[in-house]
Amino acid sequence: AAGYIENDMAKKAVDLFTQVESPDAVIFMLVFNACAAVGSSEALKLTRSIIDRLPKAVRMDSGVQTSVIDALMKCGDIGAAETWYHEMKESYIPAHGAMMK
């Protein structure tokens, strides 16, 4: 999936995600990064759909939180990104960068 994202084929990375049965935090970060790279309304719908199904342990991962913020910002949902940012339990420098981009 990371190779698809790096080669401007983020849509294929998103398609690959749908085939993973038990994704872990790294897989969730990759799919959110792919959604951010696509930056479309479809990618935003997928981002929101995945957020709704995130396991609690994964939801609390600072890398996943940063990837969610980045995807929401790049897909145009600034309000939701701000909410995620403010709900983070700890200050995390990459999350600041995702909000600033």
PDB file of N, CA and C in Angstrom:
ATOM      1  N   ALA A   1       0.817  -1.196   0.000  1.00  0.00           N
ATOM      2  CA  ALA A   1       0.000   0.000   0.000  1.00  0.00           C
ATOM      3  C   ALA A   1       0.860   1.259   0.000  1.00  0.00           C
ATOM      4  N   ALA A   2       1.928   1.244   0.787  1.00  0.00           N
ATOM      5  CA  ALA A   2       2.799   2.417   0.851  1.00  0.00           C
ATOM      6  C   ALA A   2       3.398   2.717  -0.521  1.00  0.00           C
ATOM      7  N   GLY A   3       3.746   1.675  -1.274  1.00  0.00           N
ATOM      8  CA  GLY A   3       4.294   1.859  -2.617  1.00  0.00           C
ATOM      9  C   GLY A   3       3.304   2.537  -3.545  1.00  0.00           C
ATOM     10  N   TYR A   4       2.038   2.155  -3.437  1.00  0.00           N
ATOM     11  CA  TYR A   4       1.015   2.800  -4.263  1.00  0.00           C
ATOM     12  C   TYR A   4       0.922   4.288  -3.928  1.00  0.00           C
ATOM     13  N   ILE A   5       0.952   4.617  -2.647  1.00  0.00           N
ATOM     14  CA  ILE A   5       0.837   6.016  -2.229  1.00  0.00           C
ATOM     15  C   ILE A   5       2.023   6.806  -2.756  1.00  0.00           C
ATOM     16  N   GLU A   6       3.245   6.250  -2.595  1.00  0.00           N
ATOM     17  CA  GLU A   6       4.449   6.947  -3.041  1.00  0.00           C
ATOM     18  C   GLU A   6       4.481   7.130  -4.555  1.00  0.00           C
ATOM     19  N   ASN A   7       3.807   6.271  -5.300  1.00  0.00           N
ATOM     20  CA  ASN A   7       3.806   6.341  -6.759  1.00  0.00           C
ATOM     21  C   ASN A   7       2.531   6.966  -7.322  1.00  0.00           C
ATOM     22  N   ASP A   8       1.898   7.804  -6.520  1.00  0.00           N
ATOM     23  CA  ASP A   8       0.692   8.522  -6.940  1.00  0.00           C
ATOM     24  C   ASP A   8      -0.426   7.592  -7.396  1.00  0.00           C
ATOM     25  N   MET A   9      -0.548   6.457  -6.732  1.00  0.00           N
ATOM     26  CA  MET A   9      -1.607   5.500  -7.040  1.00  0.00           C
ATOM     27  C   MET A   9      -2.424   5.237  -5.764  1.00  0.00           C
ATOM     28  N   ALA A  10      -2.756   6.309  -5.058  1.00  0.00           N
ATOM     29  CA  ALA A  10      -3.426   6.196  -3.763  1.00  0.00           C
ATOM     30  C   ALA A  10      -4.769   5.474  -3.870  1.00  0.00           C
ATOM     31  N   LYS A  11      -5.461   5.656  -4.968  1.00  0.00           N
ATOM     32  CA  LYS A  11      -6.757   4.984  -5.131  1.00  0.00           C
ATOM     33  C   LYS A  11      -6.591   3.465  -5.053  1.00  0.00           C
ATOM     34  N   LYS A  12      -5.515   2.934  -5.623  1.00  0.00           N
ATOM     35  CA  LYS A  12      -5.266   1.495  -5.545  1.00  0.00           C
ATOM     36  C   LYS A  12      -4.985   1.072  -4.106  1.00  0.00           C
ATOM     37  N   ALA A  13      -4.318   1.921  -3.342  1.00  0.00           N
ATOM     38  CA  ALA A  13      -4.058   1.614  -1.936  1.00  0.00           C
ATOM     39  C   ALA A  13      -5.371   1.547  -1.162  1.00  0.00           C
ATOM     40  N   VAL A  14      -6.285   2.452  -1.464  1.00  0.00           N
ATOM     41  CA  VAL A  14      -7.602   2.445  -0.824  1.00  0.00           C
ATOM     42  C   VAL A  14      -8.343   1.163  -1.189  1.00  0.00           C
ATOM     43  N   ASP A  15      -8.293   0.780  -2.463  1.00  0.00           N
ATOM     44  CA  ASP A  15      -8.946  -0.463  -2.897  1.00  0.00           C
ATOM     45  C   ASP A  15      -8.344  -1.671  -2.188  1.00  0.00           C
ATOM     46  N   LEU A  16      -7.042  -1.667  -1.999  1.00  0.00           N
ATOM     47  CA  LEU A  16      -6.360  -2.767  -1.316  1.00  0.00           C
ATOM     48  C   LEU A  16      -6.826  -2.882   0.133  1.00  0.00           C
ATOM     49  N   PHE A  17      -7.066  -1.743   0.781  1.00  0.00           N
ATOM     50  CA  PHE A  17      -7.518  -1.734   2.176  1.00  0.00           C
ATOM     51  C   PHE A  17      -8.812  -2.519   2.355  1.00  0.00           C
ATOM     52  N   THR A  18      -9.699  -2.425   1.394  1.00  0.00           N
ATOM     53  CA  THR A  18     -10.994  -3.106   1.521  1.00  0.00           C
ATOM     54  C   THR A  18     -10.853  -4.622   1.551  1.00  0.00           C
ATOM     55  N   GLN A  19      -9.696  -5.136   1.156  1.00  0.00           N
ATOM     56  CA  GLN A  19      -9.471  -6.577   1.141  1.00  0.00           C
ATOM     57  C   GLN A  19      -8.838  -7.092   2.437  1.00  0.00           C
ATOM     58  N   VAL A  20      -8.402  -6.201   3.314  1.00  0.00           N
ATOM     59  CA  VAL A  20      -7.750  -6.605   4.557  1.00  0.00           C
ATOM     60  C   VAL A  20      -8.815  -6.948   5.594  1.00  0.00           C
ATOM     61  N   GLU A  21      -8.720  -8.146   6.152  1.00  0.00           N
ATOM     62  CA  GLU A  21      -9.732  -8.608   7.104  1.00  0.00           C
ATOM     63  C   GLU A  21      -9.579  -8.005   8.496  1.00  0.00           C
ATOM     64  N   SER A  22      -8.374  -7.964   9.020  1.00  0.00           N
ATOM     65  CA  SER A  22      -8.129  -7.466  10.377  1.00  0.00           C
ATOM     66  C   SER A  22      -7.011  -6.433  10.357  1.00  0.00           C
ATOM     67  N   PRO A  23      -7.317  -5.213   9.927  1.00  0.00           N
ATOM     68  CA  PRO A  23      -6.267  -4.199   9.826  1.00  0.00           C
ATOM     69  C   PRO A  23      -5.754  -3.775  11.204  1.00  0.00           C
ATOM     70  N   ASP A  24      -4.450  -3.474  11.267  1.00  0.00           N
ATOM     71  CA  ASP A  24      -3.863  -2.956  12.494  1.00  0.00           C
ATOM     72  C   ASP A  24      -3.648  -1.448  12.330  1.00  0.00           C
ATOM     73  N   ALA A  25      -3.006  -0.824  13.316  1.00  0.00           N
ATOM     74  CA  ALA A  25      -2.815   0.625  13.293  1.00  0.00           C
ATOM     75  C   ALA A  25      -2.049   1.076  12.048  1.00  0.00           C
ATOM     76  N   VAL A  26      -1.045   0.316  11.652  1.00  0.00           N
ATOM     77  CA  VAL A  26      -0.248   0.692  10.482  1.00  0.00           C
ATOM     78  C   VAL A  26      -1.111   0.680   9.216  1.00  0.00           C
ATOM     79  N   ILE A  27      -1.948  -0.325   9.073  1.00  0.00           N
ATOM     80  CA  ILE A  27      -2.829  -0.401   7.898  1.00  0.00           C
ATOM     81  C   ILE A  27      -3.805   0.776   7.899  1.00  0.00           C
ATOM     82  N   PHE A  28      -4.357   1.105   9.073  1.00  0.00           N
ATOM     83  CA  PHE A  28      -5.260   2.255   9.147  1.00  0.00           C
ATOM     84  C   PHE A  28      -4.525   3.538   8.775  1.00  0.00           C
ATOM     85  N   MET A  29      -3.290   3.708   9.251  1.00  0.00           N
ATOM     86  CA  MET A  29      -2.535   4.913   8.885  1.00  0.00           C
ATOM     87  C   MET A  29      -2.322   4.979   7.381  1.00  0.00           C
ATOM     88  N   LEU A  30      -1.997   3.846   6.768  1.00  0.00           N
ATOM     89  CA  LEU A  30      -1.781   3.829   5.319  1.00  0.00           C
ATOM     90  C   LEU A  30      -3.044   4.207   4.553  1.00  0.00           C
ATOM     91  N   VAL A  31      -4.186   3.677   4.972  1.00  0.00           N
ATOM     92  CA  VAL A  31      -5.412   3.996   4.234  1.00  0.00           C
ATOM     93  C   VAL A  31      -5.800   5.460   4.434  1.00  0.00           C
ATOM     94  N   PHE A  32      -5.596   5.998   5.638  1.00  0.00           N
ATOM     95  CA  PHE A  32      -5.886   7.419   5.840  1.00  0.00           C
ATOM     96  C   PHE A  32      -4.915   8.276   5.025  1.00  0.00           C
ATOM     97  N   ASN A  33      -3.655   7.854   4.929  1.00  0.00           N
ATOM     98  CA  ASN A  33      -2.690   8.576   4.094  1.00  0.00           C
ATOM     99  C   ASN A  33      -3.106   8.524   2.627  1.00  0.00           C
ATOM    100  N   ALA A  34      -3.621   7.382   2.197  1.00  0.00           N
ATOM    101  CA  ALA A  34      -4.099   7.253   0.816  1.00  0.00           C
ATOM    102  C   ALA A  34      -5.299   8.171   0.583  1.00  0.00           C
ATOM    103  N   CYS A  35      -6.210   8.200   1.530  1.00  0.00           N
ATOM    104  CA  CYS A  35      -7.378   9.088   1.404  1.00  0.00           C
ATOM    105  C   CYS A  35      -6.929  10.546   1.327  1.00  0.00           C
ATOM    106  N   ALA A  36      -5.943  10.904   2.135  1.00  0.00           N
ATOM    107  CA  ALA A  36      -5.416  12.272   2.097  1.00  0.00           C
ATOM    108  C   ALA A  36      -4.814  12.570   0.732  1.00  0.00           C
ATOM    109  N   ALA A  37      -4.111  11.601   0.165  1.00  0.00           N
ATOM    110  CA  ALA A  37      -3.493  11.800  -1.151  1.00  0.00           C
ATOM    111  C   ALA A  37      -4.537  11.952  -2.249  1.00  0.00           C
ATOM    112  N   VAL A  38      -5.639  11.212  -2.131  1.00  0.00           N
ATOM    113  CA  VAL A  38      -6.716  11.316  -3.120  1.00  0.00           C
ATOM    114  C   VAL A  38      -7.435  12.649  -2.950  1.00  0.00           C
ATOM    115  N   GLY A  39      -7.801  12.974  -1.707  1.00  0.00           N
ATOM    116  CA  GLY A  39      -8.388  14.277  -1.401  1.00  0.00           C
ATOM    117  C   GLY A  39      -9.733  14.578  -2.029  1.00  0.00           C
ATOM    118  N   SER A  40     -10.501  13.565  -2.343  1.00  0.00           N
ATOM    119  CA  SER A  40     -11.794  13.774  -2.998  1.00  0.00           C
ATOM    120  C   SER A  40     -12.942  13.603  -2.010  1.00  0.00           C
ATOM    121  N   SER A  41     -14.153  13.879  -2.485  1.00  0.00           N
ATOM    122  CA  SER A  41     -15.324  13.667  -1.637  1.00  0.00           C
ATOM    123  C   SER A  41     -15.523  12.178  -1.360  1.00  0.00           C
ATOM    124  N   GLU A  42     -15.164  11.330  -2.319  1.00  0.00           N
ATOM    125  CA  GLU A  42     -15.228   9.880  -2.095  1.00  0.00           C
ATOM    126  C   GLU A  42     -14.258   9.458  -1.000  1.00  0.00           C
ATOM    127  N   ALA A  43     -13.055  10.026  -1.028  1.00  0.00           N
ATOM    128  CA  ALA A  43     -12.053   9.716  -0.009  1.00  0.00           C
ATOM    129  C   ALA A  43     -12.527  10.194   1.357  1.00  0.00           C
ATOM    130  N   LEU A  44     -13.214  11.337   1.390  1.00  0.00           N
ATOM    131  CA  LEU A  44     -13.756  11.835   2.657  1.00  0.00           C
ATOM    132  C   LEU A  44     -14.825  10.885   3.192  1.00  0.00           C
ATOM    133  N   LYS A  45     -15.698  10.392   2.312  1.00  0.00           N
ATOM    134  CA  LYS A  45     -16.726   9.429   2.746  1.00  0.00           C
ATOM    135  C   LYS A  45     -16.089   8.171   3.311  1.00  0.00           C
ATOM    136  N   LEU A  46     -15.054   7.682   2.636  1.00  0.00           N
ATOM    137  CA  LEU A  46     -14.366   6.493   3.116  1.00  0.00           C
ATOM    138  C   LEU A  46     -13.691   6.775   4.456  1.00  0.00           C
ATOM    139  N   THR A  47     -13.042   7.920   4.577  1.00  0.00           N
ATOM    140  CA  THR A  47     -12.389   8.295   5.838  1.00  0.00           C
ATOM    141  C   THR A  47     -13.403   8.286   6.972  1.00  0.00           C
ATOM    142  N   ARG A  48     -14.531   8.927   6.771  1.00  0.00           N
ATOM    143  CA  ARG A  48     -15.568   8.972   7.814  1.00  0.00           C
ATOM    144  C   ARG A  48     -16.085   7.575   8.143  1.00  0.00           C
ATOM    145  N   SER A  49     -16.267   6.761   7.124  1.00  0.00           N
ATOM    146  CA  SER A  49     -16.756   5.395   7.326  1.00  0.00           C
ATOM    147  C   SER A  49     -15.772   4.577   8.167  1.00  0.00           C
ATOM    148  N   ILE A  50     -14.506   4.722   7.856  1.00  0.00           N
ATOM    149  CA  ILE A  50     -13.482   3.980   8.601  1.00  0.00           C
ATOM    150  C   ILE A  50     -13.388   4.497  10.030  1.00  0.00           C
ATOM    151  N   ILE A  51     -13.457   5.798  10.202  1.00  0.00           N
ATOM    152  CA  ILE A  51     -13.412   6.387  11.549  1.00  0.00           C
ATOM    153  C   ILE A  51     -14.509   5.783  12.424  1.00  0.00           C
ATOM    154  N   ASP A  52     -15.697   5.633  11.859  1.00  0.00           N
ATOM    155  CA  ASP A  52     -16.831   5.090  12.622  1.00  0.00           C
ATOM    156  C   ASP A  52     -16.583   3.665  13.093  1.00  0.00           C
ATOM    157  N   ARG A  53     -15.700   2.927  12.401  1.00  0.00           N
ATOM    158  CA  ARG A  53     -15.448   1.525  12.744  1.00  0.00           C
ATOM    159  C   ARG A  53     -14.110   1.299  13.431  1.00  0.00           C
ATOM    160  N   LEU A  54     -13.385   2.364  13.736  1.00  0.00           N
ATOM    161  CA  LEU A  54     -12.068   2.201  14.348  1.00  0.00           C
ATOM    162  C   LEU A  54     -12.170   1.565  15.733  1.00  0.00           C
ATOM    163  N   PRO A  55     -11.406   0.510  15.975  1.00  0.00           N
ATOM    164  CA  PRO A  55     -11.355  -0.051  17.326  1.00  0.00           C
ATOM    165  C   PRO A  55     -10.767   0.988  18.292  1.00  0.00           C
ATOM    166  N   LYS A  56     -11.205   0.953  19.535  1.00  0.00           N
ATOM    167  CA  LYS A  56     -10.781   1.964  20.511  1.00  0.00           C
ATOM    168  C   LYS A  56      -9.265   2.035  20.647  1.00  0.00           C
ATOM    169  N   ALA A  57      -8.601   0.891  20.709  1.00  0.00           N
ATOM    170  CA  ALA A  57      -7.143   0.878  20.862  1.00  0.00           C
ATOM    171  C   ALA A  57      -6.462   1.573  19.683  1.00  0.00           C
ATOM    172  N   VAL A  58      -6.971   1.356  18.485  1.00  0.00           N
ATOM    173  CA  VAL A  58      -6.399   1.989  17.294  1.00  0.00           C
ATOM    174  C   VAL A  58      -6.727   3.475  17.293  1.00  0.00           C
ATOM    175  N   ARG A  59      -7.913   3.822  17.719  1.00  0.00           N
ATOM    176  CA  ARG A  59      -8.350   5.226  17.763  1.00  0.00           C
ATOM    177  C   ARG A  59      -7.442   6.070  18.665  1.00  0.00           C
ATOM    178  N   MET A  60      -6.858   5.446  19.683  1.00  0.00           N
ATOM    179  CA  MET A  60      -6.024   6.171  20.629  1.00  0.00           C
ATOM    180  C   MET A  60      -4.561   6.272  20.169  1.00  0.00           C
ATOM    181  N   ASP A  61      -4.187   5.605  19.093  1.00  0.00           N
ATOM    182  CA  ASP A  61      -2.823   5.631  18.577  1.00  0.00           C
ATOM    183  C   ASP A  61      -2.539   7.010  17.984  1.00  0.00           C
ATOM    184  N   SER A  62      -1.476   7.663  18.444  1.00  0.00           N
ATOM    185  CA  SER A  62      -1.189   9.028  17.999  1.00  0.00           C
ATOM    186  C   SER A  62      -0.875   9.091  16.502  1.00  0.00           C
ATOM    187  N   GLY A  63      -0.266   8.055  15.953  1.00  0.00           N
ATOM    188  CA  GLY A  63      -0.010   8.034  14.512  1.00  0.00           C
ATOM    189  C   GLY A  63      -1.294   7.952  13.711  1.00  0.00           C
ATOM    190  N   VAL A  64      -2.234   7.132  14.176  1.00  0.00           N
ATOM    191  CA  VAL A  64      -3.537   7.021  13.513  1.00  0.00           C
ATOM    192  C   VAL A  64      -4.278   8.346  13.634  1.00  0.00           C
ATOM    193  N   GLN A  65      -4.243   8.950  14.811  1.00  0.00           N
ATOM    194  CA  GLN A  65      -4.925  10.234  15.003  1.00  0.00           C
ATOM    195  C   GLN A  65      -4.379  11.287  14.040  1.00  0.00           C
ATOM    196  N   THR A  66      -3.081  11.324  13.891  1.00  0.00           N
ATOM    197  CA  THR A  66      -2.467  12.286  12.971  1.00  0.00           C
ATOM    198  C   THR A  66      -2.869  12.002  11.530  1.00  0.00           C
ATOM    199  N   SER A  67      -2.916  10.736  11.153  1.00  0.00           N
ATOM    200  CA  SER A  67      -3.328  10.367   9.796  1.00  0.00           C
ATOM    201  C   SER A  67      -4.788  10.731   9.544  1.00  0.00           C
ATOM    202  N   VAL A  68      -5.628  10.542  10.552  1.00  0.00           N
ATOM    203  CA  VAL A  68      -7.042  10.927  10.433  1.00  0.00           C
ATOM    204  C   VAL A  68      -7.141  12.433  10.214  1.00  0.00           C
ATOM    205  N   ILE A  69      -6.434  13.198  11.024  1.00  0.00           N
ATOM    206  CA  ILE A  69      -6.466  14.663  10.907  1.00  0.00           C
ATOM    207  C   ILE A  69      -6.011  15.083   9.513  1.00  0.00           C
ATOM    208  N   ASP A  70      -4.932  14.494   9.042  1.00  0.00           N
ATOM    209  CA  ASP A  70      -4.407  14.834   7.714  1.00  0.00           C
ATOM    210  C   ASP A  70      -5.429  14.507   6.628  1.00  0.00           C
ATOM    211  N   ALA A  71      -6.042  13.322   6.711  1.00  0.00           N
ATOM    212  CA  ALA A  71      -7.040  12.929   5.706  1.00  0.00           C
ATOM    213  C   ALA A  71      -8.238  13.877   5.732  1.00  0.00           C
ATOM    214  N   LEU A  72      -8.720  14.182   6.917  1.00  0.00           N
ATOM    215  CA  LEU A  72      -9.879  15.081   7.019  1.00  0.00           C
ATOM    216  C   LEU A  72      -9.553  16.464   6.469  1.00  0.00           C
ATOM    217  N   MET A  73      -8.377  16.979   6.800  1.00  0.00           N
ATOM    218  CA  MET A  73      -7.991  18.301   6.307  1.00  0.00           C
ATOM    219  C   MET A  73      -7.871  18.318   4.781  1.00  0.00           C
ATOM    220  N   LYS A  74      -7.183  17.320   4.235  1.00  0.00           N
ATOM    221  CA  LYS A  74      -6.944  17.313   2.789  1.00  0.00           C
ATOM    222  C   LYS A  74      -8.189  16.976   1.982  1.00  0.00           C
ATOM    223  N   CYS A  75      -9.174  16.359   2.646  1.00  0.00           N
ATOM    224  CA  CYS A  75     -10.442  16.071   1.968  1.00  0.00           C
ATOM    225  C   CYS A  75     -11.467  17.175   2.212  1.00  0.00           C
ATOM    226  N   GLY A  76     -11.093  18.187   2.978  1.00  0.00           N
ATOM    227  CA  GLY A  76     -11.936  19.366   3.129  1.00  0.00           C
ATOM    228  C   GLY A  76     -12.830  19.437   4.353  1.00  0.00           C
ATOM    229  N   ASP A  77     -12.690  18.517   5.303  1.00  0.00           N
ATOM    230  CA  ASP A  77     -13.532  18.559   6.503  1.00  0.00           C
ATOM    231  C   ASP A  77     -12.723  19.124   7.671  1.00  0.00           C
ATOM    232  N   ILE A  78     -12.514  20.424   7.633  1.00  0.00           N
ATOM    233  CA  ILE A  78     -11.678  21.101   8.616  1.00  0.00           C
ATOM    234  C   ILE A  78     -12.285  21.013  10.015  1.00  0.00           C
ATOM    235  N   GLY A  79     -13.591  21.120  10.120  1.00  0.00           N
ATOM    236  CA  GLY A  79     -14.256  21.057  11.421  1.00  0.00           C
ATOM    237  C   GLY A  79     -14.014  19.730  12.126  1.00  0.00           C
ATOM    238  N   ALA A  80     -14.156  18.639  11.393  1.00  0.00           N
ATOM    239  CA  ALA A  80     -13.922  17.316  11.987  1.00  0.00           C
ATOM    240  C   ALA A  80     -12.448  17.153  12.356  1.00  0.00           C
ATOM    241  N   ALA A  81     -11.547  17.670  11.525  1.00  0.00           N
ATOM    242  CA  ALA A  81     -10.116  17.591  11.829  1.00  0.00           C
ATOM    243  C   ALA A  81      -9.800  18.351  13.115  1.00  0.00           C
ATOM    244  N   GLU A  82     -10.400  19.520  13.270  1.00  0.00           N
ATOM    245  CA  GLU A  82     -10.185  20.292  14.499  1.00  0.00           C
ATOM    246  C   GLU A  82     -10.704  19.536  15.717  1.00  0.00           C
ATOM    247  N   THR A  83     -11.838  18.892  15.571  1.00  0.00           N
ATOM    248  CA  THR A  83     -12.394  18.110  16.680  1.00  0.00           C
ATOM    249  C   THR A  83     -11.433  16.993  17.067  1.00  0.00           C
ATOM    250  N   TRP A  84     -10.936  16.252  16.083  1.00  0.00           N
ATOM    251  CA  TRP A  84      -9.963  15.185  16.368  1.00  0.00           C
ATOM    252  C   TRP A  84      -8.732  15.754  17.053  1.00  0.00           C
ATOM    253  N   TYR A  85      -8.242  16.879  16.560  1.00  0.00           N
ATOM    254  CA  TYR A  85      -7.044  17.510  17.112  1.00  0.00           C
ATOM    255  C   TYR A  85      -7.244  17.869  18.581  1.00  0.00           C
ATOM    256  N   HIS A  86      -8.378  18.476  18.886  1.00  0.00           N
ATOM    257  CA  HIS A  86      -8.641  18.908  20.264  1.00  0.00           C
ATOM    258  C   HIS A  86      -8.928  17.744  21.203  1.00  0.00           C
ATOM    259  N   GLU A  87      -9.338  16.604  20.659  1.00  0.00           N
ATOM    260  CA  GLU A  87      -9.625  15.438  21.492  1.00  0.00           C
ATOM    261  C   GLU A  87      -8.386  14.587  21.772  1.00  0.00           C
ATOM    262  N   MET A  88      -7.273  14.915  21.127  1.00  0.00           N
ATOM    263  CA  MET A  88      -6.049  14.157  21.385  1.00  0.00           C
ATOM    264  C   MET A  88      -5.628  14.362  22.831  1.00  0.00           C
ATOM    265  N   LYS A  89      -5.277  13.275  23.495  1.00  0.00           N
ATOM    266  CA  LYS A  89      -4.917  13.351  24.909  1.00  0.00           C
ATOM    267  C   LYS A  89      -3.553  13.997  25.132  1.00  0.00           C
ATOM    268  N   GLU A  90      -2.632  13.824  24.196  1.00  0.00           N
ATOM    269  CA  GLU A  90      -1.307  14.397  24.349  1.00  0.00           C
ATOM    270  C   GLU A  90      -0.985  15.273  23.150  1.00  0.00           C
ATOM    271  N   SER A  91      -0.135  16.230  23.394  1.00  0.00           N
ATOM    272  CA  SER A  91       0.336  17.062  22.296  1.00  0.00           C
ATOM    273  C   SER A  91       1.306  16.232  21.455  1.00  0.00           C
ATOM    274  N   TYR A  92       1.130  16.216  20.172  1.00  0.00           N
ATOM    275  CA  TYR A  92       1.927  15.385  19.280  1.00  0.00           C
ATOM    276  C   TYR A  92       2.326  16.248  18.093  1.00  0.00           C
ATOM    277  N   ILE A  93       3.604  16.504  17.944  1.00  0.00           N
ATOM    278  CA  ILE A  93       4.107  17.453  16.951  1.00  0.00           C
ATOM    279  C   ILE A  93       3.630  17.145  15.531  1.00  0.00           C
ATOM    280  N   PRO A  94       3.656  15.880  15.056  1.00  0.00           N
ATOM    281  CA  PRO A  94       3.143  15.640  13.700  1.00  0.00           C
ATOM    282  C   PRO A  94       1.672  16.046  13.529  1.00  0.00           C
ATOM    283  N   ALA A  95       0.873  15.945  14.580  1.00  0.00           N
ATOM    284  CA  ALA A  95      -0.527  16.366  14.489  1.00  0.00           C
ATOM    285  C   ALA A  95      -0.607  17.875  14.276  1.00  0.00           C
ATOM    286  N   HIS A  96       0.285  18.612  14.919  1.00  0.00           N
ATOM    287  CA  HIS A  96       0.334  20.067  14.689  1.00  0.00           C
ATOM    288  C   HIS A  96       0.636  20.354  13.223  1.00  0.00           C
ATOM    289  N   GLY A  97       1.593  19.604  12.676  1.00  0.00           N
ATOM    290  CA  GLY A  97       1.951  19.776  11.265  1.00  0.00           C
ATOM    291  C   GLY A  97       0.794  19.456  10.329  1.00  0.00           C
ATOM    292  N   ALA A  98       0.048  18.393  10.640  1.00  0.00           N
ATOM    293  CA  ALA A  98      -1.102  18.027   9.808  1.00  0.00           C
ATOM    294  C   ALA A  98      -2.145  19.135   9.808  1.00  0.00           C
ATOM    295  N   MET A  99      -2.336  19.766  10.950  1.00  0.00           N
ATOM    296  CA  MET A  99      -3.319  20.857  11.017  1.00  0.00           C
ATOM    297  C   MET A  99      -2.821  22.092  10.271  1.00  0.00           C
ATOM    298  N   MET A 100      -1.527  22.351  10.335  1.00  0.00           N
ATOM    299  CA  MET A 100      -0.986  23.549   9.715  1.00  0.00           C
ATOM    300  C   MET A 100      -0.939  23.467   8.192  1.00  0.00           C
ATOM    301  N   LYS A 101      -0.785  22.241   7.644  1.00  0.00           N
ATOM    302  CA  LYS A 101      -0.728  22.091   6.192  1.00  0.00           C
ATOM    303  C   LYS A 101      -2.035  22.551   5.607  1.00  0.00           C
TER     304      LYS A 101
END
